[in-house]
Amino acid sequence: MTEQNTTPTTDTNTQVTASPLRCLTGSIISGVMGYGSYSLMIAIATTFAQKPVHSDNQLVIKITSAVRTLVVGIVALGSGVFAIVAIGLLALGIQLLFQSFTKEKRLMTND
């Protein structure tokens, strides 16, 4: 006996259009996350600088330096990505705002 899937499958392909308010909200959220990850990067780098490696083994010193650089670099990359996304969303919101104003002017002149 085979049981059929009783849950109906729905394909709802609704496409959300970009609006200046959505772009501004996303830009603010991304900016806050970028600032938070930047603050985290500064805290990590300060902590690493305050706690030097106490070893005479050159291999340990090199591996520690590489790992510390990698950790700070990854967090810096994350904060940079969030900052670029925030700037891009803000620019898109401004562009959409200007397009809506020019579209209204074109509609008024065509009447």
PDB file of N, CA and C in Angstrom:
ATOM      1  N   MET A   1       0.836  -1.168   0.000  1.00  0.00           N
ATOM      2  CA  MET A   1       0.000   0.000   0.000  1.00  0.00           C
ATOM      3  C   MET A   1       0.887   1.238   0.000  1.00  0.00           C
ATOM      4  N   THR A   2       0.622   2.103  -0.925  1.00  0.00           N
ATOM      5  CA  THR A   2       1.402   3.328  -1.013  1.00  0.00           C
ATOM      6  C   THR A   2       0.540   4.499  -0.573  1.00  0.00           C
ATOM      7  N   GLU A   3       1.118   5.314   0.294  1.00  0.00           N
ATOM      8  CA  GLU A   3       0.408   6.516   0.741  1.00  0.00           C
ATOM      9  C   GLU A   3       0.883   7.700  -0.067  1.00  0.00           C
ATOM     10  N   GLN A   4      -0.053   8.446  -0.512  1.00  0.00           N
ATOM     11  CA  GLN A   4       0.276   9.643  -1.266  1.00  0.00           C
ATOM     12  C   GLN A   4       0.549  10.785  -0.294  1.00  0.00           C
ATOM     13  N   ASN A   5       1.314  11.725  -0.761  1.00  0.00           N
ATOM     14  CA  ASN A   5       1.607  12.901   0.046  1.00  0.00           C
ATOM     15  C   ASN A   5       0.331  13.713   0.215  1.00  0.00           C
ATOM     16  N   THR A   6      -0.092  13.894   1.468  1.00  0.00           N
ATOM     17  CA  THR A   6      -1.366  14.570   1.716  1.00  0.00           C
ATOM     18  C   THR A   6      -1.225  16.081   1.782  1.00  0.00           C
ATOM     19  N   THR A   7      -0.011  16.584   1.888  1.00  0.00           N
ATOM     20  CA  THR A   7       0.135  18.035   1.939  1.00  0.00           C
ATOM     21  C   THR A   7       0.175  18.585   0.529  1.00  0.00           C
ATOM     22  N   PRO A   8      -0.644  19.564   0.261  1.00  0.00           N
ATOM     23  CA  PRO A   8      -0.648  20.122  -1.095  1.00  0.00           C
ATOM     24  C   PRO A   8       0.609  20.949  -1.341  1.00  0.00           C
ATOM     25  N   THR A   9       1.131  20.829  -2.519  1.00  0.00           N
ATOM     26  CA  THR A   9       2.301  21.634  -2.878  1.00  0.00           C
ATOM     27  C   THR A   9       1.818  22.891  -3.573  1.00  0.00           C
ATOM     28  N   THR A  10       2.295  24.019  -3.085  1.00  0.00           N
ATOM     29  CA  THR A  10       1.898  25.292  -3.678  1.00  0.00           C
ATOM     30  C   THR A  10       3.144  25.974  -4.215  1.00  0.00           C
ATOM     31  N   ASP A  11       3.063  26.415  -5.404  1.00  0.00           N
ATOM     32  CA  ASP A  11       4.144  27.173  -6.011  1.00  0.00           C
ATOM     33  C   ASP A  11       3.728  28.638  -6.062  1.00  0.00           C
ATOM     34  N   THR A  12       4.142  29.370  -5.074  1.00  0.00           N
ATOM     35  CA  THR A  12       3.829  30.791  -5.048  1.00  0.00           C
ATOM     36  C   THR A  12       5.096  31.546  -5.412  1.00  0.00           C
ATOM     37  N   ASN A  13       5.137  32.015  -6.600  1.00  0.00           N
ATOM     38  CA  ASN A  13       6.275  32.789  -7.070  1.00  0.00           C
ATOM     39  C   ASN A  13       5.910  34.265  -7.063  1.00  0.00           C
ATOM     40  N   THR A  14       5.933  34.845  -5.892  1.00  0.00           N
ATOM     41  CA  THR A  14       5.658  36.267  -5.783  1.00  0.00           C
ATOM     42  C   THR A  14       6.988  36.997  -5.730  1.00  0.00           C
ATOM     43  N   GLN A  15       7.140  37.935  -6.618  1.00  0.00           N
ATOM     44  CA  GLN A  15       8.374  38.694  -6.679  1.00  0.00           C
ATOM     45  C   GLN A  15       8.162  40.020  -5.962  1.00  0.00           C
ATOM     46  N   VAL A  16       9.007  40.277  -4.989  1.00  0.00           N
ATOM     47  CA  VAL A  16       8.906  41.500  -4.210  1.00  0.00           C
ATOM     48  C   VAL A  16       9.704  42.584  -4.918  1.00  0.00           C
ATOM     49  N   THR A  17       9.057  43.706  -5.148  1.00  0.00           N
ATOM     50  CA  THR A  17       9.745  44.802  -5.825  1.00  0.00           C
ATOM     51  C   THR A  17      10.495  45.643  -4.808  1.00  0.00           C
ATOM     52  N   ALA A  18      11.574  46.225  -5.254  1.00  0.00           N
ATOM     53  CA  ALA A  18      12.386  47.074  -4.383  1.00  0.00           C
ATOM     54  C   ALA A  18      11.724  48.432  -4.231  1.00  0.00           C
ATOM     55  N   SER A  19      11.755  48.939  -3.034  1.00  0.00           N
ATOM     56  CA  SER A  19      11.230  50.274  -2.768  1.00  0.00           C
ATOM     57  C   SER A  19      12.296  51.045  -1.985  1.00  0.00           C
ATOM     58  N   PRO A  20      12.232  52.362  -2.023  1.00  0.00           N
ATOM     59  CA  PRO A  20      13.228  53.139  -1.276  1.00  0.00           C
ATOM     60  C   PRO A  20      13.219  52.838   0.225  1.00  0.00           C
ATOM     61  N   LEU A  21      12.041  52.571   0.784  1.00  0.00           N
ATOM     62  CA  LEU A  21      11.964  52.279   2.214  1.00  0.00           C
ATOM     63  C   LEU A  21      12.617  50.936   2.534  1.00  0.00           C
ATOM     64  N   ARG A  22      12.387  49.933   1.681  1.00  0.00           N
ATOM     65  CA  ARG A  22      13.013  48.620   1.895  1.00  0.00           C
ATOM     66  C   ARG A  22      14.519  48.720   1.759  1.00  0.00           C
ATOM     67  N   CYS A  23      14.980  49.514   0.802  1.00  0.00           N
ATOM     68  CA  CYS A  23      16.425  49.693   0.611  1.00  0.00           C
ATOM     69  C   CYS A  23      17.041  50.409   1.804  1.00  0.00           C
ATOM     70  N   LEU A  24      16.359  51.432   2.306  1.00  0.00           N
ATOM     71  CA  LEU A  24      16.872  52.163   3.460  1.00  0.00           C
ATOM     72  C   LEU A  24      16.912  51.275   4.702  1.00  0.00           C
ATOM     73  N   THR A  25      15.878  50.466   4.899  1.00  0.00           N
ATOM     74  CA  THR A  25      15.856  49.553   6.037  1.00  0.00           C
ATOM     75  C   THR A  25      16.990  48.538   5.943  1.00  0.00           C
ATOM     76  N   GLY A  26      17.166  47.953   4.769  1.00  0.00           N
ATOM     77  CA  GLY A  26      18.256  47.001   4.579  1.00  0.00           C
ATOM     78  C   GLY A  26      19.616  47.639   4.744  1.00  0.00           C
ATOM     79  N   SER A  27      19.749  48.875   4.302  1.00  0.00           N
ATOM     80  CA  SER A  27      21.007  49.595   4.444  1.00  0.00           C
ATOM     81  C   SER A  27      21.321  49.861   5.913  1.00  0.00           C
ATOM     82  N   ILE A  28      20.332  50.224   6.674  1.00  0.00           N
ATOM     83  CA  ILE A  28      20.542  50.475   8.104  1.00  0.00           C
ATOM     84  C   ILE A  28      20.932  49.183   8.817  1.00  0.00           C
ATOM     85  N   ILE A  29      20.241  48.105   8.507  1.00  0.00           N
ATOM     86  CA  ILE A  29      20.552  46.822   9.141  1.00  0.00           C
ATOM     87  C   ILE A  29      21.963  46.375   8.781  1.00  0.00           C
ATOM     88  N   SER A  30      22.316  46.486   7.520  1.00  0.00           N
ATOM     89  CA  SER A  30      23.654  46.090   7.089  1.00  0.00           C
ATOM     90  C   SER A  30      24.721  47.005   7.678  1.00  0.00           C
ATOM     91  N   GLY A  31      24.434  48.274   7.784  1.00  0.00           N
ATOM     92  CA  GLY A  31      25.384  49.202   8.395  1.00  0.00           C
ATOM     93  C   GLY A  31      25.625  48.902   9.864  1.00  0.00           C
ATOM     94  N   VAL A  32      24.561  48.573  10.574  1.00  0.00           N
ATOM     95  CA  VAL A  32      24.695  48.214  11.994  1.00  0.00           C
ATOM     96  C   VAL A  32      25.507  46.928  12.141  1.00  0.00           C
ATOM     97  N   MET A  33      25.239  45.959  11.275  1.00  0.00           N
ATOM     98  CA  MET A  33      26.009  44.712  11.339  1.00  0.00           C
ATOM     99  C   MET A  33      27.469  44.945  10.959  1.00  0.00           C
ATOM    100  N   GLY A  34      27.717  45.813  10.002  1.00  0.00           N
ATOM    101  CA  GLY A  34      29.084  46.151   9.627  1.00  0.00           C
ATOM    102  C   GLY A  34      29.817  46.853  10.751  1.00  0.00           C
ATOM    103  N   TYR A  35      29.152  47.777  11.409  1.00  0.00           N
ATOM    104  CA  TYR A  35      29.772  48.472  12.535  1.00  0.00           C
ATOM    105  C   TYR A  35      30.038  47.505  13.686  1.00  0.00           C
ATOM    106  N   GLY A  36      29.097  46.596  13.914  1.00  0.00           N
ATOM    107  CA  GLY A  36      29.293  45.598  14.973  1.00  0.00           C
ATOM    108  C   GLY A  36      30.471  44.682  14.686  1.00  0.00           C
ATOM    109  N   SER A  37      30.594  44.236  13.446  1.00  0.00           N
ATOM    110  CA  SER A  37      31.723  43.369  13.118  1.00  0.00           C
ATOM    111  C   SER A  37      33.032  44.146  13.102  1.00  0.00           C
ATOM    112  N   TYR A  38      32.993  45.438  12.771  1.00  0.00           N
ATOM    113  CA  TYR A  38      34.191  46.272  12.857  1.00  0.00           C
ATOM    114  C   TYR A  38      34.627  46.421  14.313  1.00  0.00           C
ATOM    115  N   SER A  39      33.672  46.650  15.198  1.00  0.00           N
ATOM    116  CA  SER A  39      33.994  46.755  16.622  1.00  0.00           C
ATOM    117  C   SER A  39      34.548  45.438  17.151  1.00  0.00           C
ATOM    118  N   LEU A  40      33.991  44.334  16.688  1.00  0.00           N
ATOM    119  CA  LEU A  40      34.500  43.016  17.070  1.00  0.00           C
ATOM    120  C   LEU A  40      35.925  42.826  16.576  1.00  0.00           C
ATOM    121  N   MET A  41      36.213  43.269  15.362  1.00  0.00           N
ATOM    122  CA  MET A  41      37.562  43.149  14.819  1.00  0.00           C
ATOM    123  C   MET A  41      38.564  43.947  15.645  1.00  0.00           C
ATOM    124  N   ILE A  42      38.192  45.156  16.026  1.00  0.00           N
ATOM    125  CA  ILE A  42      39.078  45.978  16.846  1.00  0.00           C
ATOM    126  C   ILE A  42      39.313  45.317  18.208  1.00  0.00           C
ATOM    127  N   ALA A  43      38.272  44.748  18.798  1.00  0.00           N
ATOM    128  CA  ALA A  43      38.417  44.084  20.091  1.00  0.00           C
ATOM    129  C   ALA A  43      39.321  42.851  19.974  1.00  0.00           C
ATOM    130  N   ILE A  44      39.151  42.093  18.908  1.00  0.00           N
ATOM    131  CA  ILE A  44      39.991  40.906  18.711  1.00  0.00           C
ATOM    132  C   ILE A  44      41.442  41.312  18.495  1.00  0.00           C
ATOM    133  N   ALA A  45      41.680  42.302  17.655  1.00  0.00           N
ATOM    134  CA  ALA A  45      43.051  42.742  17.392  1.00  0.00           C
ATOM    135  C   ALA A  45      43.706  43.303  18.651  1.00  0.00           C
ATOM    136  N   THR A  46      42.950  44.027  19.465  1.00  0.00           N
ATOM    137  CA  THR A  46      43.490  44.562  20.714  1.00  0.00           C
ATOM    138  C   THR A  46      43.830  43.440  21.689  1.00  0.00           C
ATOM    139  N   THR A  47      42.955  42.456  21.767  1.00  0.00           N
ATOM    140  CA  THR A  47      43.218  41.315  22.642  1.00  0.00           C
ATOM    141  C   THR A  47      44.451  40.556  22.200  1.00  0.00           C
ATOM    142  N   PHE A  48      44.593  40.339  20.903  1.00  0.00           N
ATOM    143  CA  PHE A  48      45.779  39.648  20.398  1.00  0.00           C
ATOM    144  C   PHE A  48      47.044  40.455  20.667  1.00  0.00           C
ATOM    145  N   ALA A  49      46.963  41.779  20.554  1.00  0.00           N
ATOM    146  CA  ALA A  49      48.138  42.615  20.769  1.00  0.00           C
ATOM    147  C   ALA A  49      48.551  42.638  22.243  1.00  0.00           C
ATOM    148  N   GLN A  50      47.582  42.527  23.145  1.00  0.00           N
ATOM    149  CA  GLN A  50      47.886  42.569  24.567  1.00  0.00           C
ATOM    150  C   GLN A  50      48.416  41.251  25.111  1.00  0.00           C
ATOM    151  N   LYS A  51      48.214  40.170  24.369  1.00  0.00           N
ATOM    152  CA  LYS A  51      48.650  38.853  24.832  1.00  0.00           C
ATOM    153  C   LYS A  51      49.672  38.280  23.857  1.00  0.00           C
ATOM    154  N   PRO A  52      50.943  38.605  24.037  1.00  0.00           N
ATOM    155  CA  PRO A  52      51.954  38.081  23.117  1.00  0.00           C
ATOM    156  C   PRO A  52      52.187  36.583  23.328  1.00  0.00           C
ATOM    157  N   VAL A  53      52.796  35.974  22.347  1.00  0.00           N
ATOM    158  CA  VAL A  53      53.078  34.543  22.403  1.00  0.00           C
ATOM    159  C   VAL A  53      54.330  34.330  23.250  1.00  0.00           C
ATOM    160  N   HIS A  54      54.257  33.435  24.216  1.00  0.00           N
ATOM    161  CA  HIS A  54      55.388  33.124  25.081  1.00  0.00           C
ATOM    162  C   HIS A  54      55.946  31.770  24.683  1.00  0.00           C
ATOM    163  N   SER A  55      56.759  31.780  23.652  1.00  0.00           N
ATOM    164  CA  SER A  55      57.366  30.536  23.196  1.00  0.00           C
ATOM    165  C   SER A  55      58.702  30.847  22.532  1.00  0.00           C
ATOM    166  N   ASP A  56      59.610  29.892  22.614  1.00  0.00           N
ATOM    167  CA  ASP A  56      60.896  30.020  21.943  1.00  0.00           C
ATOM    168  C   ASP A  56      60.906  29.269  20.621  1.00  0.00           C
ATOM    169  N   ASN A  57      59.881  28.473  20.384  1.00  0.00           N
ATOM    170  CA  ASN A  57      59.790  27.671  19.172  1.00  0.00           C
ATOM    171  C   ASN A  57      59.327  28.552  18.010  1.00  0.00           C
ATOM    172  N   GLN A  58      60.126  28.617  16.964  1.00  0.00           N
ATOM    173  CA  GLN A  58      59.789  29.459  15.810  1.00  0.00           C
ATOM    174  C   GLN A  58      58.536  28.981  15.087  1.00  0.00           C
ATOM    175  N   LEU A  59      58.326  27.676  15.034  1.00  0.00           N
ATOM    176  CA  LEU A  59      57.136  27.140  14.371  1.00  0.00           C
ATOM    177  C   LEU A  59      55.866  27.584  15.098  1.00  0.00           C
ATOM    178  N   VAL A  60      55.879  27.556  16.409  1.00  0.00           N
ATOM    179  CA  VAL A  60      54.725  27.993  17.196  1.00  0.00           C
ATOM    180  C   VAL A  60      54.447  29.473  16.962  1.00  0.00           C
ATOM    181  N   ILE A  61      55.480  30.264  16.909  1.00  0.00           N
ATOM    182  CA  ILE A  61      55.320  31.707  16.702  1.00  0.00           C
ATOM    183  C   ILE A  61      54.741  31.989  15.312  1.00  0.00           C
ATOM    184  N   LYS A  62      55.236  31.271  14.299  1.00  0.00           N
ATOM    185  CA  LYS A  62      54.735  31.484  12.942  1.00  0.00           C
ATOM    186  C   LYS A  62      53.293  31.030  12.791  1.00  0.00           C
ATOM    187  N   ILE A  63      52.964  29.892  13.361  1.00  0.00           N
ATOM    188  CA  ILE A  63      51.577  29.400  13.276  1.00  0.00           C
ATOM    189  C   ILE A  63      50.642  30.338  14.039  1.00  0.00           C
ATOM    190  N   THR A  64      51.049  30.791  15.206  1.00  0.00           N
ATOM    191  CA  THR A  64      50.222  31.715  15.987  1.00  0.00           C
ATOM    192  C   THR A  64      50.001  33.018  15.229  1.00  0.00           C
ATOM    193  N   SER A  65      51.048  33.520  14.615  1.00  0.00           N
ATOM    194  CA  SER A  65      50.920  34.757  13.839  1.00  0.00           C
ATOM    195  C   SER A  65      49.983  34.564  12.652  1.00  0.00           C
ATOM    196  N   ALA A  66      50.090  33.420  11.984  1.00  0.00           N
ATOM    197  CA  ALA A  66      49.216  33.154  10.837  1.00  0.00           C
ATOM    198  C   ALA A  66      47.760  33.022  11.260  1.00  0.00           C
ATOM    199  N   VAL A  67      47.517  32.333  12.370  1.00  0.00           N
ATOM    200  CA  VAL A  67      46.136  32.149  12.834  1.00  0.00           C
ATOM    201  C   VAL A  67      45.538  33.479  13.278  1.00  0.00           C
ATOM    202  N   ARG A  68      46.312  34.284  13.977  1.00  0.00           N
ATOM    203  CA  ARG A  68      45.810  35.593  14.413  1.00  0.00           C
ATOM    204  C   ARG A  68      45.508  36.491  13.217  1.00  0.00           C
ATOM    205  N   THR A  69      46.388  36.468  12.237  1.00  0.00           N
ATOM    206  CA  THR A  69      46.151  37.266  11.032  1.00  0.00           C
ATOM    207  C   THR A  69      44.912  36.781  10.294  1.00  0.00           C
ATOM    208  N   LEU A  70      44.742  35.480  10.233  1.00  0.00           N
ATOM    209  CA  LEU A  70      43.572  34.903   9.556  1.00  0.00           C
ATOM    210  C   LEU A  70      42.273  35.290  10.263  1.00  0.00           C
ATOM    211  N   VAL A  71      42.271  35.221  11.579  1.00  0.00           N
ATOM    212  CA  VAL A  71      41.053  35.553  12.330  1.00  0.00           C
ATOM    213  C   VAL A  71      40.691  37.027  12.141  1.00  0.00           C
ATOM    214  N   VAL A  72      41.658  37.911  12.295  1.00  0.00           N
ATOM    215  CA  VAL A  72      41.387  39.344  12.135  1.00  0.00           C
ATOM    216  C   VAL A  72      40.997  39.645  10.685  1.00  0.00           C
ATOM    217  N   GLY A  73      41.636  38.970   9.729  1.00  0.00           N
ATOM    218  CA  GLY A  73      41.322  39.196   8.319  1.00  0.00           C
ATOM    219  C   GLY A  73      39.914  38.763   7.945  1.00  0.00           C
ATOM    220  N   ILE A  74      39.474  37.637   8.483  1.00  0.00           N
ATOM    221  CA  ILE A  74      38.117  37.159   8.171  1.00  0.00           C
ATOM    222  C   ILE A  74      37.064  38.115   8.738  1.00  0.00           C
ATOM    223  N   VAL A  75      37.284  38.580   9.962  1.00  0.00           N
ATOM    224  CA  VAL A  75      36.323  39.522  10.553  1.00  0.00           C
ATOM    225  C   VAL A  75      36.360  40.853   9.800  1.00  0.00           C
ATOM    226  N   ALA A  76      37.542  41.281   9.364  1.00  0.00           N
ATOM    227  CA  ALA A  76      37.647  42.519   8.581  1.00  0.00           C
ATOM    228  C   ALA A  76      36.934  42.360   7.238  1.00  0.00           C
ATOM    229  N   LEU A  77      37.066  41.201   6.620  1.00  0.00           N
ATOM    230  CA  LEU A  77      36.369  40.943   5.358  1.00  0.00           C
ATOM    231  C   LEU A  77      34.860  40.999   5.550  1.00  0.00           C
ATOM    232  N   GLY A  78      34.383  40.423   6.635  1.00  0.00           N
ATOM    233  CA  GLY A  78      32.947  40.481   6.921  1.00  0.00           C
ATOM    234  C   GLY A  78      32.448  41.892   7.125  1.00  0.00           C
ATOM    235  N   SER A  79      33.199  42.689   7.872  1.00  0.00           N
ATOM    236  CA  SER A  79      32.757  44.067   8.100  1.00  0.00           C
ATOM    237  C   SER A  79      32.819  44.874   6.812  1.00  0.00           C
ATOM    238  N   GLY A  80      33.804  44.593   5.966  1.00  0.00           N
ATOM    239  CA  GLY A  80      33.882  45.281   4.676  1.00  0.00           C
ATOM    240  C   GLY A  80      32.723  44.934   3.759  1.00  0.00           C
ATOM    241  N   VAL A  81      32.342  43.666   3.753  1.00  0.00           N
ATOM    242  CA  VAL A  81      31.213  43.240   2.918  1.00  0.00           C
ATOM    243  C   VAL A  81      29.923  43.905   3.390  1.00  0.00           C
ATOM    244  N   PHE A  82      29.708  43.923   4.697  1.00  0.00           N
ATOM    245  CA  PHE A  82      28.506  44.574   5.220  1.00  0.00           C
ATOM    246  C   PHE A  82      28.496  46.066   4.893  1.00  0.00           C
ATOM    247  N   ALA A  83      29.658  46.712   4.959  1.00  0.00           N
ATOM    248  CA  ALA A  83      29.728  48.144   4.652  1.00  0.00           C
ATOM    249  C   ALA A  83      29.422  48.399   3.178  1.00  0.00           C
ATOM    250  N   ILE A  84      29.961  47.570   2.294  1.00  0.00           N
ATOM    251  CA  ILE A  84      29.707  47.743   0.863  1.00  0.00           C
ATOM    252  C   ILE A  84      28.238  47.498   0.537  1.00  0.00           C
ATOM    253  N   VAL A  85      27.638  46.498   1.180  1.00  0.00           N
ATOM    254  CA  VAL A  85      26.212  46.229   0.965  1.00  0.00           C
ATOM    255  C   VAL A  85      25.370  47.404   1.455  1.00  0.00           C
ATOM    256  N   ALA A  86      25.740  47.977   2.594  1.00  0.00           N
ATOM    257  CA  ALA A  86      24.990  49.134   3.121  1.00  0.00           C
ATOM    258  C   ALA A  86      25.069  50.307   2.167  1.00  0.00           C
ATOM    259  N   ILE A  87      26.265  50.568   1.636  1.00  0.00           N
ATOM    260  CA  ILE A  87      26.417  51.681   0.690  1.00  0.00           C
ATOM    261  C   ILE A  87      25.627  51.409  -0.589  1.00  0.00           C
ATOM    262  N   GLY A  88      25.687  50.172  -1.084  1.00  0.00           N
ATOM    263  CA  GLY A  88      24.959  49.824  -2.306  1.00  0.00           C
ATOM    264  C   GLY A  88      23.455  49.928  -2.143  1.00  0.00           C
ATOM    265  N   LEU A  89      22.936  49.458  -1.013  1.00  0.00           N
ATOM    266  CA  LEU A  89      21.497  49.560  -0.785  1.00  0.00           C
ATOM    267  C   LEU A  89      21.053  51.008  -0.617  1.00  0.00           C
ATOM    268  N   LEU A  90      21.877  51.816   0.031  1.00  0.00           N
ATOM    269  CA  LEU A  90      21.545  53.233   0.160  1.00  0.00           C
ATOM    270  C   LEU A  90      21.520  53.908  -1.209  1.00  0.00           C
ATOM    271  N   ALA A  91      22.501  53.589  -2.047  1.00  0.00           N
ATOM    272  CA  ALA A  91      22.532  54.166  -3.395  1.00  0.00           C
ATOM    273  C   ALA A  91      21.341  53.694  -4.227  1.00  0.00           C
ATOM    274  N   LEU A  92      20.969  52.418  -4.083  1.00  0.00           N
ATOM    275  CA  LEU A  92      19.797  51.906  -4.807  1.00  0.00           C
ATOM    276  C   LEU A  92      18.528  52.599  -4.344  1.00  0.00           C
ATOM    277  N   GLY A  93      18.408  52.821  -3.041  1.00  0.00           N
ATOM    278  CA  GLY A  93      17.229  53.530  -2.519  1.00  0.00           C
ATOM    279  C   GLY A  93      17.133  54.940  -3.051  1.00  0.00           C
ATOM    280  N   ILE A  94      18.280  55.633  -3.118  1.00  0.00           N
ATOM    281  CA  ILE A  94      18.286  56.996  -3.671  1.00  0.00           C
ATOM    282  C   ILE A  94      17.926  56.974  -5.150  1.00  0.00           C
ATOM    283  N   GLN A  95      18.459  56.001  -5.881  1.00  0.00           N
ATOM    284  CA  GLN A  95      18.145  55.877  -7.306  1.00  0.00           C
ATOM    285  C   GLN A  95      16.660  55.615  -7.521  1.00  0.00           C
ATOM    286  N   LEU A  96      16.081  54.719  -6.726  1.00  0.00           N
ATOM    287  CA  LEU A  96      14.646  54.436  -6.861  1.00  0.00           C
ATOM    288  C   LEU A  96      13.805  55.649  -6.490  1.00  0.00           C
ATOM    289  N   LEU A  97      14.259  56.406  -5.512  1.00  0.00           N
ATOM    290  CA  LEU A  97      13.534  57.612  -5.130  1.00  0.00           C
ATOM    291  C   LEU A  97      13.532  58.632  -6.258  1.00  0.00           C
ATOM    292  N   PHE A  98      14.701  58.847  -6.886  1.00  0.00           N
ATOM    293  CA  PHE A  98      14.770  59.776  -8.016  1.00  0.00           C
ATOM    294  C   PHE A  98      13.966  59.264  -9.205  1.00  0.00           C
ATOM    295  N   GLN A  99      13.968  57.960  -9.438  1.00  0.00           N
ATOM    296  CA  GLN A  99      13.185  57.411 -10.545  1.00  0.00           C
ATOM    297  C   GLN A  99      11.695  57.602 -10.319  1.00  0.00           C
ATOM    298  N   SER A 100      11.264  57.476  -9.074  1.00  0.00           N
ATOM    299  CA  SER A 100       9.832  57.675  -8.817  1.00  0.00           C
ATOM    300  C   SER A 100       9.440  59.138  -9.022  1.00  0.00           C
ATOM    301  N   PHE A 101      10.339  60.078  -8.670  1.00  0.00           N
ATOM    302  CA  PHE A 101      10.042  61.496  -8.902  1.00  0.00           C
ATOM    303  C   PHE A 101      10.011  61.824 -10.390  1.00  0.00           C
ATOM    304  N   THR A 102      10.958  61.286 -11.150  1.00  0.00           N
ATOM    305  CA  THR A 102      10.975  61.577 -12.585  1.00  0.00           C
ATOM    306  C   THR A 102       9.821  60.901 -13.296  1.00  0.00           C
ATOM    307  N   LYS A 103       9.409  59.744 -12.817  1.00  0.00           N
ATOM    308  CA  LYS A 103       8.271  59.055 -13.422  1.00  0.00           C
ATOM    309  C   LYS A 103       7.001  59.856 -13.209  1.00  0.00           C
ATOM    310  N   GLU A 104       6.854  60.449 -12.012  1.00  0.00           N
ATOM    311  CA  GLU A 104       5.684  61.275 -11.748  1.00  0.00           C
ATOM    312  C   GLU A 104       5.687  62.518 -12.624  1.00  0.00           C
ATOM    313  N   LYS A 105       6.848  63.120 -12.845  1.00  0.00           N
ATOM    314  CA  LYS A 105       6.925  64.312 -13.695  1.00  0.00           C
ATOM    315  C   LYS A 105       6.575  63.970 -15.133  1.00  0.00           C
ATOM    316  N   ARG A 106       7.037  62.794 -15.602  1.00  0.00           N
ATOM    317  CA  ARG A 106       6.717  62.392 -16.982  1.00  0.00           C
ATOM    318  C   ARG A 106       5.218  62.136 -17.126  1.00  0.00           C
ATOM    319  N   LEU A 107       4.605  61.543 -16.100  1.00  0.00           N
ATOM    320  CA  LEU A 107       3.173  61.299 -16.169  1.00  0.00           C
ATOM    321  C   LEU A 107       2.391  62.606 -16.181  1.00  0.00           C
ATOM    322  N   MET A 108       2.857  63.586 -15.414  1.00  0.00           N
ATOM    323  CA  MET A 108       2.172  64.877 -15.375  1.00  0.00           C
ATOM    324  C   MET A 108       2.304  65.637 -16.685  1.00  0.00           C
ATOM    325  N   THR A 109       3.462  65.530 -17.350  1.00  0.00           N
ATOM    326  CA  THR A 109       3.653  66.256 -18.596  1.00  0.00           C
ATOM    327  C   THR A 109       2.934  65.585 -19.770  1.00  0.00           C
ATOM    328  N   ASN A 110       2.680  64.280 -19.669  1.00  0.00           N
ATOM    329  CA  ASN A 110       1.971  63.579 -20.741  1.00  0.00           C
ATOM    330  C   ASN A 110       0.477  63.823 -20.692  1.00  0.00           C
ATOM    331  N   ASP A 111      -0.053  64.261 -19.565  1.00  0.00           N
ATOM    332  CA  ASP A 111      -1.507  64.489 -19.456  1.00  0.00           C
ATOM    333  C   ASP A 111      -1.963  65.721 -20.167  1.00  0.00           C
TER     334      ASP A 111
END
